[in-house]
Amino acid sequence: MAASDYTRGEMNVDAQKSMYVGTMKAGAWGAIITLLILGYSTFILSMGMPWLVALVICAGAGIVIGLGMGFGGAWVATMVALSMLALFVQLLVTLFSLVF
């Protein structure tokens, strides 16, 4: 590219802008999910709260926070899926505690 072909301020930056927005949204998702995991663990392990109560509180808070930040339906589906995963893991823990 010759030096005369470049015109300052006329570059198409749509791809960079969408990449930046996507990276920031992924970072926000990861930060909130990490915060909810830490909160759930704190409620159960440190405060002695029943696991189902802690799960309902954290899932509800996660849905409210995500919708407040404009994450939409994908966020709600993620929270529901993570809650179902937590229920499944707790079921496995309960079954293994009965066996051993």
PDB file of N, CA and C in Angstrom:
ATOM      1  N   MET A   1       0.841  -1.177   0.000  1.00  0.00           N
ATOM      2  CA  MET A   1       0.000   0.000   0.000  1.00  0.00           C
ATOM      3  C   MET A   1       0.883   1.235   0.000  1.00  0.00           C
ATOM      4  N   ALA A   2       0.641   2.070  -0.936  1.00  0.00           N
ATOM      5  CA  ALA A   2       1.430   3.295  -1.035  1.00  0.00           C
ATOM      6  C   ALA A   2       0.982   4.285   0.028  1.00  0.00           C
ATOM      7  N   ALA A   3       1.853   5.172   0.376  1.00  0.00           N
ATOM      8  CA  ALA A   3       1.547   6.156   1.412  1.00  0.00           C
ATOM      9  C   ALA A   3       0.422   7.090   0.988  1.00  0.00           C
ATOM     10  N   SER A   4       0.219   7.279  -0.290  1.00  0.00           N
ATOM     11  CA  SER A   4      -0.811   8.201  -0.752  1.00  0.00           C
ATOM     12  C   SER A   4      -2.214   7.584  -0.734  1.00  0.00           C
ATOM     13  N   ASP A   5      -2.319   6.227  -0.584  1.00  0.00           N
ATOM     14  CA  ASP A   5      -3.629   5.569  -0.572  1.00  0.00           C
ATOM     15  C   ASP A   5      -4.365   5.744   0.753  1.00  0.00           C
ATOM     16  N   TYR A   6      -3.662   6.042   1.804  1.00  0.00           N
ATOM     17  CA  TYR A   6      -4.265   6.151   3.130  1.00  0.00           C
ATOM     18  C   TYR A   6      -4.825   7.560   3.341  1.00  0.00           C
ATOM     19  N   THR A   7      -6.090   7.584   3.787  1.00  0.00           N
ATOM     20  CA  THR A   7      -6.709   8.853   4.157  1.00  0.00           C
ATOM     21  C   THR A   7      -7.134   8.747   5.611  1.00  0.00           C
ATOM     22  N   ARG A   8      -6.624   9.618   6.423  1.00  0.00           N
ATOM     23  CA  ARG A   8      -6.893   9.554   7.855  1.00  0.00           C
ATOM     24  C   ARG A   8      -8.383   9.730   8.147  1.00  0.00           C
ATOM     25  N   GLY A   9      -8.918   8.796   8.997  1.00  0.00           N
ATOM     26  CA  GLY A   9     -10.297   8.883   9.446  1.00  0.00           C
ATOM     27  C   GLY A   9     -11.319   8.256   8.517  1.00  0.00           C
ATOM     28  N   GLU A  10     -10.892   7.561   7.474  1.00  0.00           N
ATOM     29  CA  GLU A  10     -11.835   6.959   6.537  1.00  0.00           C
ATOM     30  C   GLU A  10     -11.800   5.440   6.540  1.00  0.00           C
ATOM     31  N   MET A  11     -11.306   4.833   7.570  1.00  0.00           N
ATOM     32  CA  MET A  11     -11.248   3.368   7.654  1.00  0.00           C
ATOM     33  C   MET A  11     -12.566   2.825   8.187  1.00  0.00           C
ATOM     34  N   ASN A  12     -13.041   1.748   7.621  1.00  0.00           N
ATOM     35  CA  ASN A  12     -14.260   1.098   8.094  1.00  0.00           C
ATOM     36  C   ASN A  12     -13.927   0.307   9.364  1.00  0.00           C
ATOM     37  N   VAL A  13     -14.516   0.682  10.491  1.00  0.00           N
ATOM     38  CA  VAL A  13     -14.187   0.061  11.764  1.00  0.00           C
ATOM     39  C   VAL A  13     -15.354  -0.752  12.323  1.00  0.00           C
ATOM     40  N   ASP A  14     -16.304  -1.147  11.483  1.00  0.00           N
ATOM     41  CA  ASP A  14     -17.454  -1.917  11.968  1.00  0.00           C
ATOM     42  C   ASP A  14     -17.036  -3.248  12.561  1.00  0.00           C
ATOM     43  N   ALA A  15     -16.083  -3.940  11.932  1.00  0.00           N
ATOM     44  CA  ALA A  15     -15.636  -5.233  12.445  1.00  0.00           C
ATOM     45  C   ALA A  15     -14.960  -5.070  13.808  1.00  0.00           C
ATOM     46  N   GLN A  16     -14.120  -4.058  13.942  1.00  0.00           N
ATOM     47  CA  GLN A  16     -13.448  -3.830  15.221  1.00  0.00           C
ATOM     48  C   GLN A  16     -14.448  -3.439  16.302  1.00  0.00           C
ATOM     49  N   LYS A  17     -15.436  -2.634  15.934  1.00  0.00           N
ATOM     50  CA  LYS A  17     -16.434  -2.199  16.903  1.00  0.00           C
ATOM     51  C   LYS A  17     -17.263  -3.377  17.404  1.00  0.00           C
ATOM     52  N   SER A  18     -17.686  -4.267  16.488  1.00  0.00           N
ATOM     53  CA  SER A  18     -18.486  -5.415  16.913  1.00  0.00           C
ATOM     54  C   SER A  18     -17.643  -6.390  17.740  1.00  0.00           C
ATOM     55  N   MET A  19     -16.360  -6.526  17.424  1.00  0.00           N
ATOM     56  CA  MET A  19     -15.481  -7.380  18.220  1.00  0.00           C
ATOM     57  C   MET A  19     -15.313  -6.818  19.626  1.00  0.00           C
ATOM     58  N   TYR A  20     -15.171  -5.517  19.748  1.00  0.00           N
ATOM     59  CA  TYR A  20     -15.027  -4.876  21.057  1.00  0.00           C
ATOM     60  C   TYR A  20     -16.301  -5.054  21.883  1.00  0.00           C
ATOM     61  N   VAL A  21     -17.457  -4.833  21.258  1.00  0.00           N
ATOM     62  CA  VAL A  21     -18.726  -4.984  21.969  1.00  0.00           C
ATOM     63  C   VAL A  21     -18.916  -6.426  22.424  1.00  0.00           C
ATOM     64  N   GLY A  22     -18.598  -7.376  21.553  1.00  0.00           N
ATOM     65  CA  GLY A  22     -18.717  -8.787  21.922  1.00  0.00           C
ATOM     66  C   GLY A  22     -17.784  -9.178  23.054  1.00  0.00           C
ATOM     67  N   THR A  23     -16.560  -8.666  23.023  1.00  0.00           N
ATOM     68  CA  THR A  23     -15.601  -8.965  24.085  1.00  0.00           C
ATOM     69  C   THR A  23     -16.060  -8.384  25.413  1.00  0.00           C
ATOM     70  N   MET A  24     -16.574  -7.182  25.399  1.00  0.00           N
ATOM     71  CA  MET A  24     -17.052  -6.561  26.634  1.00  0.00           C
ATOM     72  C   MET A  24     -18.266  -7.301  27.185  1.00  0.00           C
ATOM     73  N   LYS A  25     -19.176  -7.735  26.308  1.00  0.00           N
ATOM     74  CA  LYS A  25     -20.355  -8.474  26.763  1.00  0.00           C
ATOM     75  C   LYS A  25     -19.952  -9.832  27.340  1.00  0.00           C
ATOM     76  N   ALA A  26     -19.004 -10.523  26.683  1.00  0.00           N
ATOM     77  CA  ALA A  26     -18.525 -11.804  27.206  1.00  0.00           C
ATOM     78  C   ALA A  26     -17.841 -11.617  28.564  1.00  0.00           C
ATOM     79  N   GLY A  27     -17.099 -10.544  28.700  1.00  0.00           N
ATOM     80  CA  GLY A  27     -16.459 -10.257  29.983  1.00  0.00           C
ATOM     81  C   GLY A  27     -17.477  -9.984  31.080  1.00  0.00           C
ATOM     82  N   ALA A  28     -18.538  -9.258  30.746  1.00  0.00           N
ATOM     83  CA  ALA A  28     -19.591  -8.982  31.728  1.00  0.00           C
ATOM     84  C   ALA A  28     -20.317 -10.266  32.113  1.00  0.00           C
ATOM     85  N   TRP A  29     -20.618 -11.114  31.122  1.00  0.00           N
ATOM     86  CA  TRP A  29     -21.265 -12.404  31.417  1.00  0.00           C
ATOM     87  C   TRP A  29     -20.399 -13.228  32.362  1.00  0.00           C
ATOM     88  N   GLY A  30     -19.121 -13.333  32.027  1.00  0.00           N
ATOM     89  CA  GLY A  30     -18.215 -14.131  32.855  1.00  0.00           C
ATOM     90  C   GLY A  30     -18.074 -13.584  34.262  1.00  0.00           C
ATOM     91  N   ALA A  31     -18.004 -12.273  34.391  1.00  0.00           N
ATOM     92  CA  ALA A  31     -17.867 -11.663  35.714  1.00  0.00           C
ATOM     93  C   ALA A  31     -19.103 -11.903  36.569  1.00  0.00           C
ATOM     94  N   ILE A  32     -20.289 -11.762  35.972  1.00  0.00           N
ATOM     95  CA  ILE A  32     -21.520 -11.957  36.742  1.00  0.00           C
ATOM     96  C   ILE A  32     -21.696 -13.421  37.118  1.00  0.00           C
ATOM     97  N   ILE A  33     -21.394 -14.331  36.207  1.00  0.00           N
ATOM     98  CA  ILE A  33     -21.505 -15.758  36.532  1.00  0.00           C
ATOM     99  C   ILE A  33     -20.518 -16.126  37.633  1.00  0.00           C
ATOM    100  N   THR A  34     -19.301 -15.591  37.575  1.00  0.00           N
ATOM    101  CA  THR A  34     -18.320 -15.848  38.630  1.00  0.00           C
ATOM    102  C   THR A  34     -18.806 -15.300  39.967  1.00  0.00           C
ATOM    103  N   LEU A  35     -19.384 -14.118  39.959  1.00  0.00           N
ATOM    104  CA  LEU A  35     -19.930 -13.528  41.179  1.00  0.00           C
ATOM    105  C   LEU A  35     -21.055 -14.387  41.758  1.00  0.00           C
ATOM    106  N   LEU A  36     -21.924 -14.898  40.910  1.00  0.00           N
ATOM    107  CA  LEU A  36     -23.018 -15.752  41.377  1.00  0.00           C
ATOM    108  C   LEU A  36     -22.507 -17.076  41.936  1.00  0.00           C
ATOM    109  N   ILE A  37     -21.484 -17.649  41.311  1.00  0.00           N
ATOM    110  CA  ILE A  37     -20.897 -18.889  41.829  1.00  0.00           C
ATOM    111  C   ILE A  37     -20.279 -18.650  43.199  1.00  0.00           C
ATOM    112  N   LEU A  38     -19.557 -17.542  43.342  1.00  0.00           N
ATOM    113  CA  LEU A  38     -18.960 -17.227  44.639  1.00  0.00           C
ATOM    114  C   LEU A  38     -20.030 -16.959  45.702  1.00  0.00           C
ATOM    115  N   GLY A  39     -21.094 -16.266  45.315  1.00  0.00           N
ATOM    116  CA  GLY A  39     -22.187 -16.020  46.256  1.00  0.00           C
ATOM    117  C   GLY A  39     -22.874 -17.303  46.683  1.00  0.00           C
ATOM    118  N   TYR A  40     -23.130 -18.182  45.722  1.00  0.00           N
ATOM    119  CA  TYR A  40     -23.766 -19.471  46.026  1.00  0.00           C
ATOM    120  C   TYR A  40     -22.882 -20.288  46.975  1.00  0.00           C
ATOM    121  N   SER A  41     -21.585 -20.333  46.688  1.00  0.00           N
ATOM    122  CA  SER A  41     -20.665 -21.069  47.550  1.00  0.00           C
ATOM    123  C   SER A  41     -20.591 -20.468  48.946  1.00  0.00           C
ATOM    124  N   THR A  42     -20.600 -19.143  49.026  1.00  0.00           N
ATOM    125  CA  THR A  42     -20.550 -18.478  50.325  1.00  0.00           C
ATOM    126  C   THR A  42     -21.808 -18.760  51.129  1.00  0.00           C
ATOM    127  N   PHE A  43     -22.958 -18.684  50.489  1.00  0.00           N
ATOM    128  CA  PHE A  43     -24.209 -18.963  51.198  1.00  0.00           C
ATOM    129  C   PHE A  43     -24.224 -20.374  51.761  1.00  0.00           C
ATOM    130  N   ILE A  44     -23.766 -21.336  50.982  1.00  0.00           N
ATOM    131  CA  ILE A  44     -23.833 -22.734  51.419  1.00  0.00           C
ATOM    132  C   ILE A  44     -22.749 -23.063  52.441  1.00  0.00           C
ATOM    133  N   LEU A  45     -21.506 -22.741  52.113  1.00  0.00           N
ATOM    134  CA  LEU A  45     -20.387 -23.198  52.938  1.00  0.00           C
ATOM    135  C   LEU A  45     -20.153 -22.330  54.172  1.00  0.00           C
ATOM    136  N   SER A  46     -20.245 -21.029  54.036  1.00  0.00           N
ATOM    137  CA  SER A  46     -19.928 -20.149  55.168  1.00  0.00           C
ATOM    138  C   SER A  46     -21.130 -19.855  56.047  1.00  0.00           C
ATOM    139  N   MET A  47     -22.282 -19.649  55.419  1.00  0.00           N
ATOM    140  CA  MET A  47     -23.457 -19.245  56.185  1.00  0.00           C
ATOM    141  C   MET A  47     -24.343 -20.426  56.582  1.00  0.00           C
ATOM    142  N   GLY A  48     -24.098 -21.597  55.999  1.00  0.00           N
ATOM    143  CA  GLY A  48     -24.888 -22.768  56.340  1.00  0.00           C
ATOM    144  C   GLY A  48     -26.312 -22.723  55.810  1.00  0.00           C
ATOM    145  N   MET A  49     -26.556 -21.944  54.782  1.00  0.00           N
ATOM    146  CA  MET A  49     -27.890 -21.836  54.189  1.00  0.00           C
ATOM    147  C   MET A  49     -28.203 -23.120  53.422  1.00  0.00           C
ATOM    148  N   PRO A  50     -29.442 -23.593  53.455  1.00  0.00           N
ATOM    149  CA  PRO A  50     -29.792 -24.765  52.649  1.00  0.00           C
ATOM    150  C   PRO A  50     -29.500 -24.505  51.167  1.00  0.00           C
ATOM    151  N   TRP A  51     -29.014 -25.535  50.477  1.00  0.00           N
ATOM    152  CA  TRP A  51     -28.546 -25.346  49.105  1.00  0.00           C
ATOM    153  C   TRP A  51     -29.660 -24.905  48.164  1.00  0.00           C
ATOM    154  N   LEU A  52     -30.880 -25.391  48.368  1.00  0.00           N
ATOM    155  CA  LEU A  52     -31.968 -25.026  47.467  1.00  0.00           C
ATOM    156  C   LEU A  52     -32.363 -23.555  47.631  1.00  0.00           C
ATOM    157  N   VAL A  53     -32.351 -23.065  48.850  1.00  0.00           N
ATOM    158  CA  VAL A  53     -32.649 -21.646  49.101  1.00  0.00           C
ATOM    159  C   VAL A  53     -31.576 -20.770  48.474  1.00  0.00           C
ATOM    160  N   ALA A  54     -30.306 -21.159  48.647  1.00  0.00           N
ATOM    161  CA  ALA A  54     -29.210 -20.396  48.058  1.00  0.00           C
ATOM    162  C   ALA A  54     -29.291 -20.412  46.542  1.00  0.00           C
ATOM    163  N   LEU A  55     -29.686 -21.544  45.964  1.00  0.00           N
ATOM    164  CA  LEU A  55     -29.816 -21.643  44.511  1.00  0.00           C
ATOM    165  C   LEU A  55     -30.920 -20.736  43.989  1.00  0.00           C
ATOM    166  N   VAL A  56     -32.049 -20.713  44.660  1.00  0.00           N
ATOM    167  CA  VAL A  56     -33.153 -19.855  44.233  1.00  0.00           C
ATOM    168  C   VAL A  56     -32.766 -18.376  44.343  1.00  0.00           C
ATOM    169  N   ILE A  57     -32.104 -18.012  45.422  1.00  0.00           N
ATOM    170  CA  ILE A  57     -31.674 -16.621  45.608  1.00  0.00           C
ATOM    171  C   ILE A  57     -30.682 -16.215  44.523  1.00  0.00           C
ATOM    172  N   CYS A  58     -29.672 -17.049  44.283  1.00  0.00           N
ATOM    173  CA  CYS A  58     -28.641 -16.699  43.298  1.00  0.00           C
ATOM    174  C   CYS A  58     -29.192 -16.714  41.873  1.00  0.00           C
ATOM    175  N   ALA A  59     -30.056 -17.679  41.548  1.00  0.00           N
ATOM    176  CA  ALA A  59     -30.630 -17.714  40.205  1.00  0.00           C
ATOM    177  C   ALA A  59     -31.551 -16.518  39.985  1.00  0.00           C
ATOM    178  N   GLY A  60     -32.355 -16.192  40.979  1.00  0.00           N
ATOM    179  CA  GLY A  60     -33.223 -15.021  40.864  1.00  0.00           C
ATOM    180  C   GLY A  60     -32.439 -13.732  40.739  1.00  0.00           C
ATOM    181  N   ALA A  61     -31.396 -13.601  41.550  1.00  0.00           N
ATOM    182  CA  ALA A  61     -30.552 -12.412  41.463  1.00  0.00           C
ATOM    183  C   ALA A  61     -29.851 -12.351  40.113  1.00  0.00           C
ATOM    184  N   GLY A  62     -29.412 -13.490  39.614  1.00  0.00           N
ATOM    185  CA  GLY A  62     -28.752 -13.524  38.309  1.00  0.00           C
ATOM    186  C   GLY A  62     -29.675 -13.107  37.185  1.00  0.00           C
ATOM    187  N   ILE A  63     -30.913 -13.573  37.220  1.00  0.00           N
ATOM    188  CA  ILE A  63     -31.876 -13.193  36.183  1.00  0.00           C
ATOM    189  C   ILE A  63     -32.169 -11.697  36.248  1.00  0.00           C
ATOM    190  N   VAL A  64     -32.377 -11.185  37.457  1.00  0.00           N
ATOM    191  CA  VAL A  64     -32.679  -9.758  37.608  1.00  0.00           C
ATOM    192  C   VAL A  64     -31.496  -8.895  37.153  1.00  0.00           C
ATOM    193  N   ILE A  65     -30.288  -9.263  37.563  1.00  0.00           N
ATOM    194  CA  ILE A  65     -29.103  -8.497  37.172  1.00  0.00           C
ATOM    195  C   ILE A  65     -28.916  -8.537  35.657  1.00  0.00           C
ATOM    196  N   GLY A  66     -29.047  -9.725  35.072  1.00  0.00           N
ATOM    197  CA  GLY A  66     -28.856  -9.854  33.633  1.00  0.00           C
ATOM    198  C   GLY A  66     -29.881  -9.089  32.829  1.00  0.00           C
ATOM    199  N   LEU A  67     -31.131  -9.162  33.244  1.00  0.00           N
ATOM    200  CA  LEU A  67     -32.157  -8.407  32.530  1.00  0.00           C
ATOM    201  C   LEU A  67     -31.979  -6.906  32.734  1.00  0.00           C
ATOM    202  N   GLY A  68     -31.516  -6.525  33.907  1.00  0.00           N
ATOM    203  CA  GLY A  68     -31.241  -5.114  34.157  1.00  0.00           C
ATOM    204  C   GLY A  68     -30.105  -4.581  33.300  1.00  0.00           C
ATOM    205  N   MET A  69     -29.170  -5.449  32.954  1.00  0.00           N
ATOM    206  CA  MET A  69     -28.059  -5.033  32.097  1.00  0.00           C
ATOM    207  C   MET A  69     -28.364  -5.223  30.611  1.00  0.00           C
ATOM    208  N   GLY A  70     -29.572  -5.715  30.306  1.00  0.00           N
ATOM    209  CA  GLY A  70     -29.987  -5.843  28.913  1.00  0.00           C
ATOM    210  C   GLY A  70     -29.435  -7.064  28.203  1.00  0.00           C
ATOM    211  N   PHE A  71     -29.183  -8.159  28.922  1.00  0.00           N
ATOM    212  CA  PHE A  71     -28.638  -9.359  28.294  1.00  0.00           C
ATOM    213  C   PHE A  71     -29.688 -10.154  27.530  1.00  0.00           C
ATOM    214  N   GLY A  72     -30.954 -10.051  27.883  1.00  0.00           N
ATOM    215  CA  GLY A  72     -32.024 -10.672  27.116  1.00  0.00           C
ATOM    216  C   GLY A  72     -32.273 -12.139  27.436  1.00  0.00           C
ATOM    217  N   GLY A  73     -32.924 -12.799  26.476  1.00  0.00           N
ATOM    218  CA  GLY A  73     -33.378 -14.178  26.676  1.00  0.00           C
ATOM    219  C   GLY A  73     -32.261 -15.190  26.771  1.00  0.00           C
ATOM    220  N   ALA A  74     -31.149 -14.948  26.099  1.00  0.00           N
ATOM    221  CA  ALA A  74     -30.027 -15.883  26.183  1.00  0.00           C
ATOM    222  C   ALA A  74     -29.492 -15.955  27.616  1.00  0.00           C
ATOM    223  N   TRP A  75     -29.518 -14.836  28.302  1.00  0.00           N
ATOM    224  CA  TRP A  75     -29.054 -14.806  29.694  1.00  0.00           C
ATOM    225  C   TRP A  75     -29.996 -15.607  30.587  1.00  0.00           C
ATOM    226  N   VAL A  76     -31.297 -15.434  30.395  1.00  0.00           N
ATOM    227  CA  VAL A  76     -32.273 -16.170  31.206  1.00  0.00           C
ATOM    228  C   VAL A  76     -32.120 -17.668  30.955  1.00  0.00           C
ATOM    229  N   ALA A  77     -31.945 -18.058  29.683  1.00  0.00           N
ATOM    230  CA  ALA A  77     -31.756 -19.477  29.362  1.00  0.00           C
ATOM    231  C   ALA A  77     -30.481 -20.021  30.005  1.00  0.00           C
ATOM    232  N   THR A  78     -29.439 -19.213  30.045  1.00  0.00           N
ATOM    233  CA  THR A  78     -28.194 -19.629  30.686  1.00  0.00           C
ATOM    234  C   THR A  78     -28.386 -19.813  32.183  1.00  0.00           C
ATOM    235  N   MET A  79     -29.101 -18.907  32.814  1.00  0.00           N
ATOM    236  CA  MET A  79     -29.348 -19.036  34.251  1.00  0.00           C
ATOM    237  C   MET A  79     -30.192 -20.268  34.565  1.00  0.00           C
ATOM    238  N   VAL A  80     -31.198 -20.532  33.745  1.00  0.00           N
ATOM    239  CA  VAL A  80     -32.031 -21.722  33.953  1.00  0.00           C
ATOM    240  C   VAL A  80     -31.195 -22.984  33.760  1.00  0.00           C
ATOM    241  N   ALA A  81     -30.355 -23.016  32.722  1.00  0.00           N
ATOM    242  CA  ALA A  81     -29.506 -24.184  32.473  1.00  0.00           C
ATOM    243  C   ALA A  81     -28.510 -24.405  33.604  1.00  0.00           C
ATOM    244  N   LEU A  82     -27.911 -23.336  34.108  1.00  0.00           N
ATOM    245  CA  LEU A  82     -26.974 -23.471  35.224  1.00  0.00           C
ATOM    246  C   LEU A  82     -27.688 -23.934  36.498  1.00  0.00           C
ATOM    247  N   SER A  83     -28.920 -23.493  36.690  1.00  0.00           N
ATOM    248  CA  SER A  83     -29.696 -23.940  37.853  1.00  0.00           C
ATOM    249  C   SER A  83     -30.035 -25.422  37.742  1.00  0.00           C
ATOM    250  N   MET A  84     -30.381 -25.860  36.534  1.00  0.00           N
ATOM    251  CA  MET A  84     -30.663 -27.291  36.327  1.00  0.00           C
ATOM    252  C   MET A  84     -29.401 -28.130  36.547  1.00  0.00           C
ATOM    253  N   LEU A  85     -28.261 -27.607  36.112  1.00  0.00           N
ATOM    254  CA  LEU A  85     -26.999 -28.300  36.359  1.00  0.00           C
ATOM    255  C   LEU A  85     -26.713 -28.398  37.854  1.00  0.00           C
ATOM    256  N   ALA A  86     -26.977 -27.326  38.589  1.00  0.00           N
ATOM    257  CA  ALA A  86     -26.767 -27.346  40.041  1.00  0.00           C
ATOM    258  C   ALA A  86     -27.702 -28.350  40.716  1.00  0.00           C
ATOM    259  N   LEU A  87     -28.947 -28.430  40.262  1.00  0.00           N
ATOM    260  CA  LEU A  87     -29.880 -29.422  40.813  1.00  0.00           C
ATOM    261  C   LEU A  87     -29.394 -30.843  40.538  1.00  0.00           C
ATOM    262  N   PHE A  88     -28.897 -31.082  39.335  1.00  0.00           N
ATOM    263  CA  PHE A  88     -28.388 -32.407  38.977  1.00  0.00           C
ATOM    264  C   PHE A  88     -27.179 -32.788  39.830  1.00  0.00           C
ATOM    265  N   VAL A  89     -26.256 -31.839  40.003  1.00  0.00           N
ATOM    266  CA  VAL A  89     -25.074 -32.112  40.821  1.00  0.00           C
ATOM    267  C   VAL A  89     -25.477 -32.377  42.267  1.00  0.00           C
ATOM    268  N   GLN A  90     -26.430 -31.620  42.785  1.00  0.00           N
ATOM    269  CA  GLN A  90     -26.874 -31.840  44.155  1.00  0.00           C
ATOM    270  C   GLN A  90     -27.566 -33.190  44.303  1.00  0.00           C
ATOM    271  N   LEU A  91     -28.294 -33.602  43.278  1.00  0.00           N
ATOM    272  CA  LEU A  91     -28.912 -34.935  43.292  1.00  0.00           C
ATOM    273  C   LEU A  91     -27.842 -36.013  43.344  1.00  0.00           C
ATOM    274  N   LEU A  92     -26.783 -35.853  42.559  1.00  0.00           N
ATOM    275  CA  LEU A  92     -25.683 -36.819  42.599  1.00  0.00           C
ATOM    276  C   LEU A  92     -25.005 -36.841  43.969  1.00  0.00           C
ATOM    277  N   VAL A  93     -24.798 -35.673  44.556  1.00  0.00           N
ATOM    278  CA  VAL A  93     -24.183 -35.609  45.886  1.00  0.00           C
ATOM    279  C   VAL A  93     -25.056 -36.329  46.909  1.00  0.00           C
ATOM    280  N   THR A  94     -26.370 -36.112  46.824  1.00  0.00           N
ATOM    281  CA  THR A  94     -27.287 -36.771  47.755  1.00  0.00           C
ATOM    282  C   THR A  94     -27.273 -38.287  47.572  1.00  0.00           C
ATOM    283  N   LEU A  95     -27.303 -38.732  46.327  1.00  0.00           N
ATOM    284  CA  LEU A  95     -27.273 -40.187  46.074  1.00  0.00           C
ATOM    285  C   LEU A  95     -25.981 -40.825  46.540  1.00  0.00           C
ATOM    286  N   PHE A  96     -24.854 -40.198  46.288  1.00  0.00           N
ATOM    287  CA  PHE A  96     -23.581 -40.753  46.729  1.00  0.00           C
ATOM    288  C   PHE A  96     -23.432 -40.714  48.233  1.00  0.00           C
ATOM    289  N   SER A  97     -24.053 -39.741  48.888  1.00  0.00           N
ATOM    290  CA  SER A  97     -23.982 -39.699  50.354  1.00  0.00           C
ATOM    291  C   SER A  97     -24.806 -40.820  50.974  1.00  0.00           C
ATOM    292  N   LEU A  98     -25.852 -41.271  50.275  1.00  0.00           N
ATOM    293  CA  LEU A  98     -26.627 -42.390  50.769  1.00  0.00           C
ATOM    294  C   LEU A  98     -25.895 -43.711  50.623  1.00  0.00           C
ATOM    295  N   VAL A  99     -25.078 -43.823  49.574  1.00  0.00           N
ATOM    296  CA  VAL A  99     -24.343 -45.068  49.319  1.00  0.00           C
ATOM    297  C   VAL A  99     -23.152 -45.209  50.235  1.00  0.00           C
ATOM    298  N   PHE A 100     -22.424 -44.116  50.456  1.00  0.00           N
ATOM    299  CA  PHE A 100     -21.196 -44.190  51.251  1.00  0.00           C
ATOM    300  C   PHE A 100     -21.413 -43.665  52.597  1.00  0.00           C
TER     301      PHE A 100
END
